[in-house]
């Protein structure tokens, strides 16, 4: 799942080298995906009124339903 999120985020930002995506296991069936981008690209990831990040979270939710694993998306400054 980390690779999918990384591919989508790199397509959205201008500075692909500044993208860092990590998957942290939180125990049980929960994983947290942390996304770090360059400060100039933060607005592109969040989107207008949070629409882009909400869409990413919806994709993760759909994937978690199929894979029986919960994913949490966190945008880190």
PDB file of N, CA and C in Angstrom:
ATOM      1  N   UNK A   1       0.825  -1.191   0.000  1.00  0.00           N
ATOM      2  CA  UNK A   1       0.000   0.000   0.000  1.00  0.00           C
ATOM      3  C   UNK A   1       0.870   1.256   0.000  1.00  0.00           C
ATOM      4  N   UNK A   2       2.025   1.176   0.659  1.00  0.00           N
ATOM      5  CA  UNK A   2       2.930   2.318   0.714  1.00  0.00           C
ATOM      6  C   UNK A   2       3.356   2.740  -0.676  1.00  0.00           C
ATOM      7  N   UNK A   3       3.635   1.780  -1.549  1.00  0.00           N
ATOM      8  CA  UNK A   3       4.083   2.090  -2.898  1.00  0.00           C
ATOM      9  C   UNK A   3       2.999   2.810  -3.695  1.00  0.00           C
ATOM     10  N   UNK A   4       1.758   2.407  -3.499  1.00  0.00           N
ATOM     11  CA  UNK A   4       0.643   3.038  -4.198  1.00  0.00           C
ATOM     12  C   UNK A   4       0.484   4.491  -3.766  1.00  0.00           C
ATOM     13  N   UNK A   5       0.524   4.735  -2.471  1.00  0.00           N
ATOM     14  CA  UNK A   5       0.406   6.103  -1.963  1.00  0.00           C
ATOM     15  C   UNK A   5       1.575   6.948  -2.468  1.00  0.00           C
ATOM     16  N   UNK A   6       2.769   6.384  -2.460  1.00  0.00           N
ATOM     17  CA  UNK A   6       3.942   7.120  -2.924  1.00  0.00           C
ATOM     18  C   UNK A   6       3.809   7.492  -4.399  1.00  0.00           C
ATOM     19  N   UNK A   7       3.312   6.580  -5.223  1.00  0.00           N
ATOM     20  CA  UNK A   7       3.136   6.850  -6.646  1.00  0.00           C
ATOM     21  C   UNK A   7       2.131   7.985  -6.863  1.00  0.00           C
ATOM     22  N   UNK A   8       1.027   7.972  -6.125  1.00  0.00           N
ATOM     23  CA  UNK A   8       0.005   9.009  -6.264  1.00  0.00           C
ATOM     24  C   UNK A   8       0.540  10.358  -5.810  1.00  0.00           C
ATOM     25  N   UNK A   9       1.235  10.386  -4.668  1.00  0.00           N
ATOM     26  CA  UNK A   9       1.753  11.647  -4.131  1.00  0.00           C
ATOM     27  C   UNK A   9       2.808  12.228  -5.074  1.00  0.00           C
ATOM     28  N   UNK A  10       3.673  11.403  -5.615  1.00  0.00           N
ATOM     29  CA  UNK A  10       4.705  11.899  -6.539  1.00  0.00           C
ATOM     30  C   UNK A  10       4.089  12.482  -7.804  1.00  0.00           C
ATOM     31  N   UNK A  11       2.943  11.963  -8.218  1.00  0.00           N
ATOM     32  CA  UNK A  11       2.259  12.503  -9.390  1.00  0.00           C
ATOM     33  C   UNK A  11       1.639  13.866  -9.100  1.00  0.00           C
ATOM     34  N   UNK A  12       1.343  14.145  -7.836  1.00  0.00           N
ATOM     35  CA  UNK A  12       0.683  15.401  -7.476  1.00  0.00           C
ATOM     36  C   UNK A  12       1.643  16.562  -7.246  1.00  0.00           C
ATOM     37  N   UNK A  13       2.856  16.287  -6.791  1.00  0.00           N
ATOM     38  CA  UNK A  13       3.767  17.350  -6.361  1.00  0.00           C
ATOM     39  C   UNK A  13       4.722  17.751  -7.474  1.00  0.00           C
ATOM     40  N   UNK A  14       5.373  18.909  -7.278  1.00  0.00           N
ATOM     41  CA  UNK A  14       6.387  19.375  -8.220  1.00  0.00           C
ATOM     42  C   UNK A  14       7.754  18.778  -7.905  1.00  0.00           C
ATOM     43  N   UNK A  15       8.084  18.686  -6.629  1.00  0.00           N
ATOM     44  CA  UNK A  15       9.394  18.197  -6.189  1.00  0.00           C
ATOM     45  C   UNK A  15       9.274  16.734  -5.757  1.00  0.00           C
ATOM     46  N   UNK A  16       9.476  15.805  -6.710  1.00  0.00           N
ATOM     47  CA  UNK A  16       9.348  14.385  -6.400  1.00  0.00           C
ATOM     48  C   UNK A  16      10.440  13.900  -5.457  1.00  0.00           C
ATOM     49  N   UNK A  17      11.592  14.555  -5.466  1.00  0.00           N
ATOM     50  CA  UNK A  17      12.689  14.138  -4.587  1.00  0.00           C
ATOM     51  C   UNK A  17      12.376  14.438  -3.121  1.00  0.00           C
ATOM     52  N   UNK A  18      11.483  15.379  -2.875  1.00  0.00           N
ATOM     53  CA  UNK A  18      11.136  15.746  -1.514  1.00  0.00           C
ATOM     54  C   UNK A  18      10.059  14.876  -0.892  1.00  0.00           C
ATOM     55  N   UNK A  19       9.611  13.842  -1.607  1.00  0.00           N
ATOM     56  CA  UNK A  19       8.542  12.974  -1.110  1.00  0.00           C
ATOM     57  C   UNK A  19       9.146  11.827  -0.304  1.00  0.00           C
ATOM     58  N   UNK A  20       8.624  11.624   0.899  1.00  0.00           N
ATOM     59  CA  UNK A  20       9.051  10.519   1.751  1.00  0.00           C
ATOM     60  C   UNK A  20       7.798   9.866   2.329  1.00  0.00           C
ATOM     61  N   UNK A  21       7.590   8.593   2.007  1.00  0.00           N
ATOM     62  CA  UNK A  21       6.420   7.860   2.474  1.00  0.00           C
ATOM     63  C   UNK A  21       6.914   6.674   3.295  1.00  0.00           C
ATOM     64  N   UNK A  22       6.407   6.572   4.517  1.00  0.00           N
ATOM     65  CA  UNK A  22       6.793   5.474   5.413  1.00  0.00           C
ATOM     66  C   UNK A  22       5.547   4.768   5.920  1.00  0.00           C
ATOM     67  N   UNK A  23       5.659   3.457   6.064  1.00  0.00           N
ATOM     68  CA  UNK A  23       4.566   2.681   6.647  1.00  0.00           C
ATOM     69  C   UNK A  23       5.012   2.185   8.006  1.00  0.00           C
ATOM     70  N   UNK A  24       4.263   2.545   9.027  1.00  0.00           N
ATOM     71  CA  UNK A  24       4.590   2.177  10.405  1.00  0.00           C
ATOM     72  C   UNK A  24       3.513   1.235  10.912  1.00  0.00           C
ATOM     73  N   UNK A  25       3.929   0.053  11.363  1.00  0.00           N
ATOM     74  CA  UNK A  25       2.989  -0.917  11.910  1.00  0.00           C
ATOM     75  C   UNK A  25       2.625  -0.496  13.328  1.00  0.00           C
ATOM     76  N   UNK A  26       1.334  -0.380  13.592  1.00  0.00           N
ATOM     77  CA  UNK A  26       0.881   0.060  14.903  1.00  0.00           C
ATOM     78  C   UNK A  26       0.341  -1.102  15.728  1.00  0.00           C
ATOM     79  N   UNK A  27       0.656  -2.311  15.329  1.00  0.00           N
ATOM     80  CA  UNK A  27       0.202  -3.468  16.085  1.00  0.00           C
ATOM     81  C   UNK A  27      -1.158  -3.926  15.617  1.00  0.00           C
ATOM     82  N   UNK A  28      -1.387  -5.199  15.756  1.00  0.00           N
ATOM     83  CA  UNK A  28      -2.673  -5.747  15.317  1.00  0.00           C
ATOM     84  C   UNK A  28      -2.800  -5.674  13.819  1.00  0.00           C
ATOM     85  N   UNK A  29      -3.908  -5.142  13.365  1.00  0.00           N
ATOM     86  CA  UNK A  29      -4.144  -5.032  11.929  1.00  0.00           C
ATOM     87  C   UNK A  29      -4.205  -3.583  11.482  1.00  0.00           C
ATOM     88  N   UNK A  30      -3.414  -2.737  12.093  1.00  0.00           N
ATOM     89  CA  UNK A  30      -3.422  -1.314  11.778  1.00  0.00           C
ATOM     90  C   UNK A  30      -2.035  -0.865  11.348  1.00  0.00           C
ATOM     91  N   UNK A  31      -1.986  -0.115  10.259  1.00  0.00           N
ATOM     92  CA  UNK A  31      -0.745   0.488   9.783  1.00  0.00           C
ATOM     93  C   UNK A  31      -0.981   1.972   9.557  1.00  0.00           C
ATOM     94  N   UNK A  32       0.028   2.765   9.886  1.00  0.00           N
ATOM     95  CA  UNK A  32      -0.047   4.194   9.640  1.00  0.00           C
ATOM     96  C   UNK A  32       0.920   4.521   8.506  1.00  0.00           C
ATOM     97  N   UNK A  33       0.433   5.258   7.530  1.00  0.00           N
ATOM     98  CA  UNK A  33       1.263   5.687   6.413  1.00  0.00           C
ATOM     99  C   UNK A  33       1.536   7.170   6.598  1.00  0.00           C
ATOM    100  N   UNK A  34       2.808   7.510   6.787  1.00  0.00           N
ATOM    101  CA  UNK A  34       3.228   8.898   6.978  1.00  0.00           C
ATOM    102  C   UNK A  34       3.759   9.442   5.660  1.00  0.00           C
ATOM    103  N   UNK A  35       3.276  10.607   5.284  1.00  0.00           N
ATOM    104  CA  UNK A  35       3.695  11.254   4.046  1.00  0.00           C
ATOM    105  C   UNK A  35       4.361  12.578   4.387  1.00  0.00           C
ATOM    106  N   UNK A  36       5.592  12.745   3.909  1.00  0.00           N
ATOM    107  CA  UNK A  36       6.314  14.008   4.065  1.00  0.00           C
ATOM    108  C   UNK A  36       6.617  14.551   2.673  1.00  0.00           C
ATOM    109  N   UNK A  37       6.343  15.828   2.459  1.00  0.00           N
ATOM    110  CA  UNK A  37       6.637  16.481   1.185  1.00  0.00           C
ATOM    111  C   UNK A  37       7.341  17.802   1.469  1.00  0.00           C
ATOM    112  N   UNK A  38       7.856  18.410   0.416  1.00  0.00           N
ATOM    113  CA  UNK A  38       8.488  19.718   0.543  1.00  0.00           C
ATOM    114  C   UNK A  38       7.438  20.735   0.994  1.00  0.00           C
ATOM    115  N   UNK A  39       7.857  21.752   1.747  1.00  0.00           N
ATOM    116  CA  UNK A  39       6.884  22.742   2.247  1.00  0.00           C
ATOM    117  C   UNK A  39       6.082  23.423   1.134  1.00  0.00           C
ATOM    118  N   UNK A  40       6.689  23.611  -0.030  1.00  0.00           N
ATOM    119  CA  UNK A  40       5.972  24.252  -1.134  1.00  0.00           C
ATOM    120  C   UNK A  40       4.864  23.368  -1.701  1.00  0.00           C
ATOM    121  N   UNK A  41       4.979  22.063  -1.538  1.00  0.00           N
ATOM    122  CA  UNK A  41       4.004  21.127  -2.090  1.00  0.00           C
ATOM    123  C   UNK A  41       2.935  20.710  -1.095  1.00  0.00           C
ATOM    124  N   UNK A  42       2.983  21.208   0.114  1.00  0.00           N
ATOM    125  CA  UNK A  42       2.025  20.808   1.143  1.00  0.00           C
ATOM    126  C   UNK A  42       0.589  21.126   0.721  1.00  0.00           C
ATOM    127  N   UNK A  43       0.379  22.265   0.114  1.00  0.00           N
ATOM    128  CA  UNK A  43      -0.960  22.652  -0.315  1.00  0.00           C
ATOM    129  C   UNK A  43      -1.504  21.762  -1.411  1.00  0.00           C
ATOM    130  N   UNK A  44      -0.637  21.230  -2.250  1.00  0.00           N
ATOM    131  CA  UNK A  44      -1.088  20.346  -3.321  1.00  0.00           C
ATOM    132  C   UNK A  44      -1.546  19.008  -2.779  1.00  0.00           C
ATOM    133  N   UNK A  45      -0.940  18.551  -1.708  1.00  0.00           N
ATOM    134  CA  UNK A  45      -1.342  17.286  -1.107  1.00  0.00           C
ATOM    135  C   UNK A  45      -2.654  17.440  -0.351  1.00  0.00           C
ATOM    136  N   UNK A  46      -2.802  18.553   0.347  1.00  0.00           N
ATOM    137  CA  UNK A  46      -4.028  18.775   1.111  1.00  0.00           C
ATOM    138  C   UNK A  46      -5.187  19.113   0.181  1.00  0.00           C
ATOM    139  N   UNK A  47      -4.953  19.957  -0.801  1.00  0.00           N
ATOM    140  CA  UNK A  47      -5.996  20.330  -1.743  1.00  0.00           C
ATOM    141  C   UNK A  47      -6.925  21.386  -1.179  1.00  0.00           C
ATOM    142  N   UNK A  48      -7.833  21.827  -2.012  1.00  0.00           N
ATOM    143  CA  UNK A  48      -8.795  22.842  -1.568  1.00  0.00           C
ATOM    144  C   UNK A  48      -9.763  22.229  -0.573  1.00  0.00           C
ATOM    145  N   UNK A  49      -9.809  22.832   0.578  1.00  0.00           N
ATOM    146  CA  UNK A  49     -10.655  22.396   1.688  1.00  0.00           C
ATOM    147  C   UNK A  49     -10.426  20.927   2.039  1.00  0.00           C
ATOM    148  N   UNK A  50      -9.211  20.426   1.776  1.00  0.00           N
ATOM    149  CA  UNK A  50      -8.852  19.073   2.158  1.00  0.00           C
ATOM    150  C   UNK A  50      -9.377  17.983   1.240  1.00  0.00           C
ATOM    151  N   UNK A  51      -9.777  18.347   0.036  1.00  0.00           N
ATOM    152  CA  UNK A  51     -10.384  17.359  -0.860  1.00  0.00           C
ATOM    153  C   UNK A  51      -9.402  16.290  -1.317  1.00  0.00           C
ATOM    154  N   UNK A  52      -8.159  16.672  -1.607  1.00  0.00           N
ATOM    155  CA  UNK A  52      -7.186  15.704  -2.108  1.00  0.00           C
ATOM    156  C   UNK A  52      -6.813  14.694  -1.038  1.00  0.00           C
ATOM    157  N   UNK A  53      -6.519  15.165   0.157  1.00  0.00           N
ATOM    158  CA  UNK A  53      -6.155  14.244   1.236  1.00  0.00           C
ATOM    159  C   UNK A  53      -7.353  13.385   1.630  1.00  0.00           C
ATOM    160  N   UNK A  54      -8.546  13.920   1.529  1.00  0.00           N
ATOM    161  CA  UNK A  54      -9.743  13.139   1.820  1.00  0.00           C
ATOM    162  C   UNK A  54      -9.919  12.023   0.791  1.00  0.00           C
ATOM    163  N   UNK A  55      -9.605  12.312  -0.470  1.00  0.00           N
ATOM    164  CA  UNK A  55      -9.687  11.289  -1.518  1.00  0.00           C
ATOM    165  C   UNK A  55      -8.649  10.192  -1.292  1.00  0.00           C
ATOM    166  N   UNK A  56      -7.441  10.571  -0.885  1.00  0.00           N
ATOM    167  CA  UNK A  56      -6.417   9.576  -0.578  1.00  0.00           C
ATOM    168  C   UNK A  56      -6.852   8.679   0.581  1.00  0.00           C
ATOM    169  N   UNK A  57      -7.437   9.290   1.587  1.00  0.00           N
ATOM    170  CA  UNK A  57      -7.914   8.504   2.728  1.00  0.00           C
ATOM    171  C   UNK A  57      -9.056   7.575   2.324  1.00  0.00           C
ATOM    172  N   UNK A  58      -9.894   8.016   1.396  1.00  0.00           N
ATOM    173  CA  UNK A  58     -10.975   7.157   0.911  1.00  0.00           C
ATOM    174  C   UNK A  58     -10.430   5.952   0.163  1.00  0.00           C
ATOM    175  N   UNK A  59      -9.378   6.157  -0.631  1.00  0.00           N
ATOM    176  CA  UNK A  59      -8.736   5.040  -1.323  1.00  0.00           C
ATOM    177  C   UNK A  59      -8.158   4.035  -0.334  1.00  0.00           C
ATOM    178  N   UNK A  60      -7.504   4.539   0.704  1.00  0.00           N
ATOM    179  CA  UNK A  60      -6.954   3.654   1.721  1.00  0.00           C
ATOM    180  C   UNK A  60      -8.047   2.896   2.458  1.00  0.00           C
ATOM    181  N   UNK A  61      -9.160   3.563   2.702  1.00  0.00           N
ATOM    182  CA  UNK A  61     -10.273   2.907   3.386  1.00  0.00           C
ATOM    183  C   UNK A  61     -10.830   1.775   2.525  1.00  0.00           C
ATOM    184  N   UNK A  62     -10.977   2.018   1.217  1.00  0.00           N
ATOM    185  CA  UNK A  62     -11.479   0.979   0.326  1.00  0.00           C
ATOM    186  C   UNK A  62     -10.515  -0.204   0.263  1.00  0.00           C
ATOM    187  N   UNK A  63      -9.220   0.080   0.223  1.00  0.00           N
ATOM    188  CA  UNK A  63      -8.222  -0.989   0.195  1.00  0.00           C
ATOM    189  C   UNK A  63      -8.207  -1.754   1.509  1.00  0.00           C
ATOM    190  N   UNK A  64      -8.453  -1.067   2.598  1.00  0.00           N
ATOM    191  CA  UNK A  64      -8.434  -1.744   3.890  1.00  0.00           C
ATOM    192  C   UNK A  64      -9.631  -2.679   4.040  1.00  0.00           C
ATOM    193  N   UNK A  65     -10.742  -2.339   3.437  1.00  0.00           N
ATOM    194  CA  UNK A  65     -11.912  -3.206   3.494  1.00  0.00           C
ATOM    195  C   UNK A  65     -11.651  -4.506   2.744  1.00  0.00           C
ATOM    196  N   UNK A  66     -10.950  -4.411   1.640  1.00  0.00           N
ATOM    197  CA  UNK A  66     -10.654  -5.598   0.841  1.00  0.00           C
ATOM    198  C   UNK A  66      -9.572  -6.455   1.494  1.00  0.00           C
ATOM    199  N   UNK A  67      -8.561  -5.814   2.082  1.00  0.00           N
ATOM    200  CA  UNK A  67      -7.436  -6.544   2.636  1.00  0.00           C
ATOM    201  C   UNK A  67      -7.537  -6.870   4.108  1.00  0.00           C
ATOM    202  N   UNK A  68      -8.642  -6.514   4.751  1.00  0.00           N
ATOM    203  CA  UNK A  68      -8.834  -6.777   6.185  1.00  0.00           C
ATOM    204  C   UNK A  68      -7.726  -6.160   7.037  1.00  0.00           C
ATOM    205  N   UNK A  69      -7.242  -4.987   6.630  1.00  0.00           N
ATOM    206  CA  UNK A  69      -6.200  -4.278   7.370  1.00  0.00           C
ATOM    207  C   UNK A  69      -6.573  -2.796   7.362  1.00  0.00           C
ATOM    208  N   UNK A  70      -6.409  -2.122   8.476  1.00  0.00           N
ATOM    209  CA  UNK A  70      -6.764  -0.713   8.595  1.00  0.00           C
ATOM    210  C   UNK A  70      -5.545   0.145   8.313  1.00  0.00           C
ATOM    211  N   UNK A  71      -5.714   1.152   7.460  1.00  0.00           N
ATOM    212  CA  UNK A  71      -4.646   2.088   7.130  1.00  0.00           C
ATOM    213  C   UNK A  71      -5.046   3.491   7.573  1.00  0.00           C
ATOM    214  N   UNK A  72      -4.093   4.185   8.170  1.00  0.00           N
ATOM    215  CA  UNK A  72      -4.298   5.565   8.603  1.00  0.00           C
ATOM    216  C   UNK A  72      -3.302   6.418   7.826  1.00  0.00           C
ATOM    217  N   UNK A  73      -3.788   7.464   7.175  1.00  0.00           N
ATOM    218  CA  UNK A  73      -2.918   8.356   6.420  1.00  0.00           C
ATOM    219  C   UNK A  73      -2.640   9.599   7.249  1.00  0.00           C
ATOM    220  N   UNK A  74      -1.361   9.921   7.425  1.00  0.00           N
ATOM    221  CA  UNK A  74      -0.941  11.074   8.218  1.00  0.00           C
ATOM    222  C   UNK A  74      -0.013  11.927   7.357  1.00  0.00           C
ATOM    223  N   UNK A  75      -0.361  13.213   7.222  1.00  0.00           N
ATOM    224  CA  UNK A  75       0.493  14.162   6.516  1.00  0.00           C
ATOM    225  C   UNK A  75       1.368  14.833   7.560  1.00  0.00           C
ATOM    226  N   UNK A  76       2.684  14.661   7.454  1.00  0.00           N
ATOM    227  CA  UNK A  76       3.628  15.166   8.429  1.00  0.00           C
ATOM    228  C   UNK A  76       4.311  16.393   7.859  1.00  0.00           C
ATOM    229  N   UNK A  77       4.381  17.465   8.653  1.00  0.00           N
ATOM    230  CA  UNK A  77       5.031  18.704   8.193  1.00  0.00           C
ATOM    231  C   UNK A  77       6.525  18.624   8.350  1.00  0.00           C
TER     232      UNK A  77
END
